[in-house]
Protein backbone atom coordinates (compact mmCIF):
# COMPACT_ATOMS: atom_id res chain seq x y z
CA MET A 1 43.03 39.53 11.22
CA LYS A 2 42.19 43.12 10.35
CA LYS A 3 43.40 45.58 12.95
CA GLN A 4 40.60 47.48 14.65
CA VAL A 5 41.13 51.26 14.66
CA ASP A 6 39.21 53.55 16.96
CA ILE A 7 38.11 56.38 14.68
CA PHE A 8 34.88 57.69 16.19
CA LYS A 9 34.92 60.06 19.20
CA PRO A 10 33.40 59.52 21.67
CA GLY A 11 34.22 55.86 21.63
CA LEU A 12 32.05 52.76 22.08
CA ALA A 13 32.59 52.67 25.84
CA GLU A 14 31.32 56.20 26.32
CA LEU A 15 28.32 55.57 24.02
CA GLN A 16 27.51 52.37 25.94
CA LYS A 17 27.45 54.33 29.19
CA MET A 18 25.21 56.96 27.60
CA ALA A 19 22.83 54.35 26.19
CA THR A 20 22.70 52.53 29.55
CA ARG A 21 21.99 55.79 31.36
CA LEU A 22 19.22 56.91 29.06
CA LYS A 23 17.66 53.46 28.61
CA GLY A 24 16.04 53.77 32.03
CA VAL A 25 14.03 56.85 31.04
CA LYS A 26 10.30 55.94 31.17
CA ILE A 27 6.97 57.80 30.95
CA VAL A 28 4.51 56.26 33.34
CA ASP A 29 1.34 57.80 31.87
CA THR A 30 -0.10 61.07 30.51
CA LYS A 31 0.08 62.61 34.01
CA ASP A 32 3.82 61.84 34.40
CA VAL A 33 5.14 65.41 33.71
CA GLU A 34 8.62 64.77 35.08
CA GLY A 35 9.02 61.53 33.09
CA TYR A 36 7.84 63.28 29.90
CA LYS A 37 10.36 66.11 30.46
CA ASN A 38 13.22 63.64 31.02
CA ALA A 39 12.24 61.70 27.88
CA LYS A 40 12.26 64.89 25.78
CA GLU A 41 15.72 65.82 27.09
CA ALA A 42 17.03 62.27 26.49
CA LYS A 43 15.65 62.30 22.93
CA THR A 44 17.39 65.62 22.21
CA GLU A 45 20.67 64.37 23.64
CA LEU A 46 20.54 61.13 21.64
CA ALA A 47 19.60 62.99 18.42
CA LYS A 48 22.59 65.34 18.78
CA MET A 49 24.95 62.42 19.32
CA ARG A 50 23.44 60.53 16.32
CA ILE A 51 23.98 63.59 14.06
CA ILE A 52 27.59 63.97 15.25
CA ILE A 53 28.36 60.27 14.59
CA THR A 54 26.64 60.28 11.16
CA LYS A 55 28.40 63.46 10.01
CA PHE A 56 31.81 62.22 11.15
CA GLY A 57 31.21 58.86 9.43
CA LYS A 58 30.36 60.52 6.11
CA GLU A 59 33.54 62.62 6.25
CA GLN A 60 35.68 59.58 6.99
CA ARG A 61 34.05 57.54 4.19
CA LYS A 62 34.77 60.29 1.66
CA GLU A 63 38.45 60.41 2.62
CA ALA A 64 38.57 56.62 2.45
CA ARG A 65 36.96 56.59 -1.03
CA ASP A 66 39.42 59.16 -2.34
CA TYR A 67 42.32 57.14 -0.94
CA ALA A 68 40.95 53.87 -2.34
CA SER A 69 40.45 55.40 -5.79
CA GLU A 70 44.05 56.57 -5.90
CA VAL A 71 45.31 53.17 -4.75
CA ILE A 72 43.26 51.44 -7.50
CA ARG A 73 44.56 53.86 -10.17
CA GLN A 74 48.17 53.29 -9.23
CA GLU A 75 47.56 49.52 -9.02
CA LYS A 76 46.23 49.44 -12.58
CA GLU A 77 49.10 51.63 -13.78
CA HIS A 78 51.71 49.27 -12.30
CA LEU A 79 49.97 46.12 -13.53
CA ALA A 80 49.65 47.47 -17.06
CA LEU A 81 53.44 47.36 -17.36
CA ILE A 82 53.96 43.67 -16.43
CA VAL A 83 50.66 41.78 -17.04
CA PRO A 84 50.89 41.81 -20.89
CA VAL A 85 54.43 40.42 -20.69
CA GLU A 86 53.31 37.76 -18.21
CA ASP A 87 50.29 36.81 -20.37
CA ASP A 88 52.45 36.42 -23.47
CA ILE A 89 54.94 34.20 -21.68
CA LYS A 90 52.09 32.18 -20.13
CA LYS A 91 50.54 31.61 -23.58
CA GLN A 92 53.86 30.34 -24.92
CA ILE A 93 54.29 27.97 -21.98
CA ASP A 94 50.66 26.77 -22.25
CA ALA A 95 51.07 26.13 -25.97
CA VAL A 96 54.20 24.04 -25.41
CA ASP A 97 52.59 22.19 -22.49
CA GLU A 98 49.47 21.50 -24.55
CA GLU A 99 51.57 20.22 -27.46
CA LYS A 100 53.44 17.92 -25.07
CA ARG A 101 50.17 16.69 -23.64
CA MET A 102 48.77 16.09 -27.12
CA GLU A 103 51.86 13.97 -27.95
CA GLU A 104 51.39 12.00 -24.74
CA ARG A 105 47.68 11.50 -25.52
CA LYS A 106 48.48 10.19 -29.01
CA VAL A 107 50.10 7.19 -27.31
CA LEU A 108 46.80 6.54 -25.52
CA LEU A 109 44.68 7.15 -28.66
CA PRO A 110 44.45 3.46 -29.78
CA SER A 111 43.50 2.24 -26.31
CA ARG A 112 40.93 5.01 -25.93
CA LYS A 113 39.39 4.23 -29.33
CA LYS A 114 39.24 0.55 -28.39
CA MET A 115 37.53 1.47 -25.13
CA LEU A 116 34.99 3.51 -27.09
CA GLU A 117 34.44 0.63 -29.52
CA GLY A 118 33.66 -1.56 -26.50
CA ILE A 119 30.65 0.61 -25.76
CA GLU A 120 29.73 1.05 -29.44
CA THR A 121 30.66 4.76 -29.46
CA LYS A 122 32.63 6.71 -32.08
CA MET A 123 34.63 9.93 -31.61
CA THR A 124 37.08 11.71 -33.88
CA ASP A 125 40.80 11.68 -33.01
CA GLU A 126 40.68 15.43 -32.42
CA GLU A 127 37.80 15.06 -29.94
CA ILE A 128 39.67 12.32 -28.06
CA LEU A 129 43.01 14.18 -27.99
CA LEU A 130 41.39 17.34 -26.60
CA MET A 131 40.59 15.49 -23.33
CA ASP A 132 43.12 14.84 -20.59
CA GLU A 133 43.10 11.71 -18.45
CA GLN A 134 40.55 12.95 -15.94
CA CYS A 135 38.29 14.51 -18.58
CA PHE A 136 38.39 11.39 -20.77
CA SER A 137 37.84 9.12 -17.78
CA GLU A 138 34.79 11.11 -16.66
CA HIS A 139 33.45 11.33 -20.23
CA PHE A 140 34.03 7.62 -20.88
CA SER A 141 32.41 6.74 -17.55
CA GLN A 142 29.34 8.76 -18.50
CA LEU A 143 29.23 7.19 -21.99
CA ARG A 144 29.63 3.71 -20.55
CA ASN A 145 26.85 4.32 -18.02
CA ASP A 146 24.61 5.60 -20.82
CA TYR A 147 25.58 2.58 -22.97
CA LEU A 148 24.91 0.10 -20.17
CA PHE A 149 21.66 1.84 -19.29
CA GLU A 150 20.53 1.79 -22.93
CA LYS A 151 21.64 -1.82 -23.29
CA GLU A 152 19.74 -2.76 -20.14
CA ARG A 153 16.74 -0.79 -21.37
CA LYS A 154 16.78 -2.56 -24.74
CA LEU A 155 17.24 -5.92 -22.99
CA GLN A 156 14.28 -5.22 -20.71
CA GLU A 157 12.32 -3.97 -23.70
CA ARG A 158 13.16 -7.17 -25.62
CA GLU A 159 12.25 -9.31 -22.63
CA ALA A 160 9.01 -7.39 -22.26
CA GLN A 161 8.35 -7.84 -25.98
CA LEU A 162 9.02 -11.58 -25.75
CA LYS A 163 6.80 -11.75 -22.70
CA ARG A 164 4.03 -9.89 -24.52
CA GLU A 165 4.42 -12.16 -27.56
CA LYS A 166 4.32 -15.23 -25.30
CA GLU A 167 1.25 -13.91 -23.49
CA LEU A 168 -0.33 -13.03 -26.84
CA GLU A 169 0.38 -16.52 -28.21
CA GLU A 170 -0.97 -18.06 -25.00
CA ALA A 171 -4.05 -15.85 -25.29
CA ARG A 172 -4.47 -16.89 -28.92
CA LYS A 173 -4.09 -20.54 -27.94
CA ILE A 174 -6.70 -20.14 -25.20
CA ALA A 175 -8.91 -18.27 -27.65
CA ARG A 176 -8.57 -21.07 -30.21
CA GLU A 177 -9.34 -23.69 -27.56
CA GLU A 178 -12.30 -21.64 -26.38
CA GLU A 179 -13.42 -21.23 -29.99
CA ILE A 180 -13.22 -25.01 -30.55
CA GLU A 181 -15.01 -25.65 -27.27
CA ASN A 182 -17.62 -23.02 -28.08
CA ALA A 183 -18.07 -24.61 -31.52
CA LYS A 184 -18.62 -28.01 -29.86
CA ILE A 185 -21.07 -26.47 -27.42
CA ALA A 186 -22.77 -24.65 -30.28
CA ARG A 187 -23.12 -27.90 -32.26
CA ILE A 188 -24.49 -29.68 -29.21
CA GLU A 189 -26.90 -26.84 -28.54
CA GLU A 190 -27.86 -26.73 -32.23
CA LYS A 191 -28.53 -30.49 -32.22
CA LYS A 192 -30.51 -30.11 -29.01
CA ARG A 193 -32.49 -27.26 -30.55
CA ALA A 194 -33.11 -29.38 -33.66
CA ASP A 195 -34.19 -32.34 -31.51
CA ASP A 196 -36.38 -30.06 -29.42
CA GLU A 197 -37.83 -28.58 -32.60
CA LEU A 198 -38.50 -32.07 -33.99
CA LYS A 199 -40.13 -33.08 -30.71
CA ARG A 200 -42.13 -29.88 -30.73
CA VAL A 201 -43.32 -30.50 -34.31
CA GLU A 202 -44.18 -34.13 -33.47
CA GLN A 203 -45.98 -33.00 -30.37
CA GLU A 204 -47.83 -30.35 -32.35
CA LYS A 205 -48.84 -33.03 -34.87
CA LYS A 206 -50.05 -35.27 -32.04
CA ASP A 207 -51.80 -32.35 -30.42
CA GLU A 208 -53.40 -31.43 -33.75
CA ILE A 209 -54.56 -35.03 -34.29
CA GLU A 210 -55.93 -35.13 -30.75
CA ARG A 211 -57.54 -31.75 -31.30
CA LEU A 212 -59.16 -32.94 -34.55
CA LYS A 213 -60.29 -36.15 -32.85
CA GLN A 214 -61.67 -34.16 -29.95
CA GLU A 215 -63.35 -31.77 -32.39
CA GLN A 216 -64.93 -34.76 -34.16
CA ILE A 217 -66.00 -36.24 -30.83
CA ASP A 218 -67.35 -32.85 -29.74
CA LYS A 219 -69.09 -32.45 -33.11
CA GLU A 220 -70.67 -35.89 -32.89
CA ALA A 221 -71.63 -35.20 -29.30
CA ARG A 222 -73.17 -31.88 -30.31
CA GLU A 223 -74.98 -33.48 -33.22
CA LYS A 224 -76.22 -36.29 -30.96
CA ARG A 225 -77.21 -33.79 -28.31
CA ASP A 226 -78.90 -31.59 -30.93
CA ALA A 227 -80.74 -34.64 -32.32
CA GLU A 228 -81.80 -35.69 -28.83
CA GLU A 229 -82.85 -32.15 -28.05
CA LEU A 230 -84.76 -32.05 -31.33
CA ILE A 231 -86.54 -35.28 -30.50
CA ILE A 232 -87.30 -34.00 -27.00
CA ARG A 233 -88.53 -30.71 -28.46
CA LYS A 234 -90.69 -32.59 -30.92
CA GLU A 235 -91.99 -34.88 -28.19
CA ASN A 236 -92.62 -31.90 -25.95
CA GLU A 237 -94.25 -30.11 -28.86
CA ALA A 238 -96.44 -33.16 -29.51
CA LYS A 239 -97.28 -33.42 -25.83
CA ARG A 240 -98.01 -29.72 -25.71
CA PHE A 241 -100.19 -30.00 -28.82
CA ALA A 242 -101.96 -33.06 -27.41
CA GLU A 243 -102.47 -31.25 -24.12
CA GLU A 244 -103.76 -28.22 -25.90
CA GLU A 245 -106.11 -30.44 -27.89
CA ARG A 246 -107.19 -32.21 -24.72
CA VAL A 247 -107.73 -28.89 -22.99
CA LYS A 248 -109.66 -27.62 -25.97
CA LYS A 249 -111.81 -30.75 -25.94
CA LEU A 250 -112.34 -30.37 -22.22
CA GLU A 251 -113.17 -26.73 -22.70
CA ILE A 252 -115.57 -27.65 -25.51
CA GLU A 253 -117.16 -30.40 -23.36
CA ALA A 254 -117.29 -28.06 -20.40
CA ASP A 255 -118.86 -25.34 -22.54
CA LYS A 256 -121.40 -27.83 -23.86
CA LYS A 257 -122.21 -28.87 -20.32
CA TYR A 258 -122.37 -25.23 -19.30
CA GLN A 259 -124.68 -24.39 -22.18
CA LYS A 260 -126.80 -27.42 -21.35
CA PHE A 261 -126.83 -26.22 -17.70
CA LEU A 262 -128.04 -22.85 -18.85
CA ALA A 263 -130.59 -24.36 -21.20
CA ASP A 264 -131.81 -26.86 -18.67
CA ASN A 265 -132.32 -24.09 -16.15
CA LYS A 266 -133.74 -21.67 -18.68
CA TYR A 267 -131.15 -18.99 -18.02
CA ASN A 268 -132.32 -15.40 -18.55
CA GLU A 269 -129.83 -12.60 -18.46
CA GLU A 270 -132.42 -10.15 -17.18
CA THR A 271 -133.60 -12.17 -14.26
CA ASP A 272 -130.79 -14.60 -13.52
CA LEU A 273 -127.48 -13.95 -11.80
CA LEU A 274 -124.40 -16.23 -12.19
CA ASN A 275 -121.72 -16.49 -9.51
CA GLN A 276 -118.68 -18.80 -9.62
CA PHE A 277 -117.07 -20.19 -6.48
CA LYS A 278 -114.00 -22.34 -7.10
CA ASP A 279 -115.06 -24.80 -9.85
CA GLU A 280 -118.79 -24.43 -9.28
CA ILE A 281 -121.22 -21.93 -10.83
CA PHE A 282 -124.28 -20.92 -8.88
CA MET A 283 -127.38 -19.48 -10.57
CA TYR A 284 -129.66 -17.10 -8.66
CA ARG A 285 -132.97 -16.04 -10.07
CA LEU A 286 -135.14 -13.01 -9.37
CA VAL A 287 -138.62 -14.39 -8.69
CA ASN A 288 -140.44 -11.08 -8.37
CA LYS A 289 -140.13 -7.56 -7.09
CA PHE A 290 -142.49 -5.17 -5.25
CA LYS A 291 -142.55 -1.45 -5.53
CA LYS A 292 -144.06 0.64 -2.72
């Protein structure tokens, strides 16, 4: 543990007392003249102490930096004499140790290569010999994990491929069965359509025959009706003509009778007056007239 040295004067205890004493200084409000005065004095006192501490600290840090710089210079100077010698000796020892380790690893080279063959991996002898036991073990473990992962991935991929091929073949089989079934249904539907079409044509033929028969019946009925109507019209025309002739004869007979009535009664337009009431004609005659 680093030894604590009291450098600053006054010390922490005295500063704690000062801080505790001045911490109670408060200004109640803008009318607190006494509190404001005490606060101003406390601020001045604290500022002076802060300046003293800061100035002393800067001086001590400068002396410390100068001392530290000299210590570092001398340290480098001393080390420069022995470190190169130590590094050279260390390199020689490391080279011998590495050569010994390489010889020891050569004994393990066949087994390591066989291990690598087991995971279908190839490495040069130099690459294998550069790794110590721990390094090779970690590297081999990583290669084996990668190999097993890739093998598992390929196995899953193959299984997935086989599954897809099986599903595809099953789908093709279902499609073929559906195609055969659809063809059967299509043939049945086609036969049904052909039968329906044949029935429709037969029915149309029957309907056409019935229509022609009905047209013939209607035609004969119309012709019969027209002939009957013609006969009736002719009969009516004959009756009308006979009636007209009868009426004419009656009119002629009536006119003859009327003329005879006029002649018998010696009708004179100047002196006689005719007046008809219903089917009777009355004749009035002026016998004479007197003028006053």
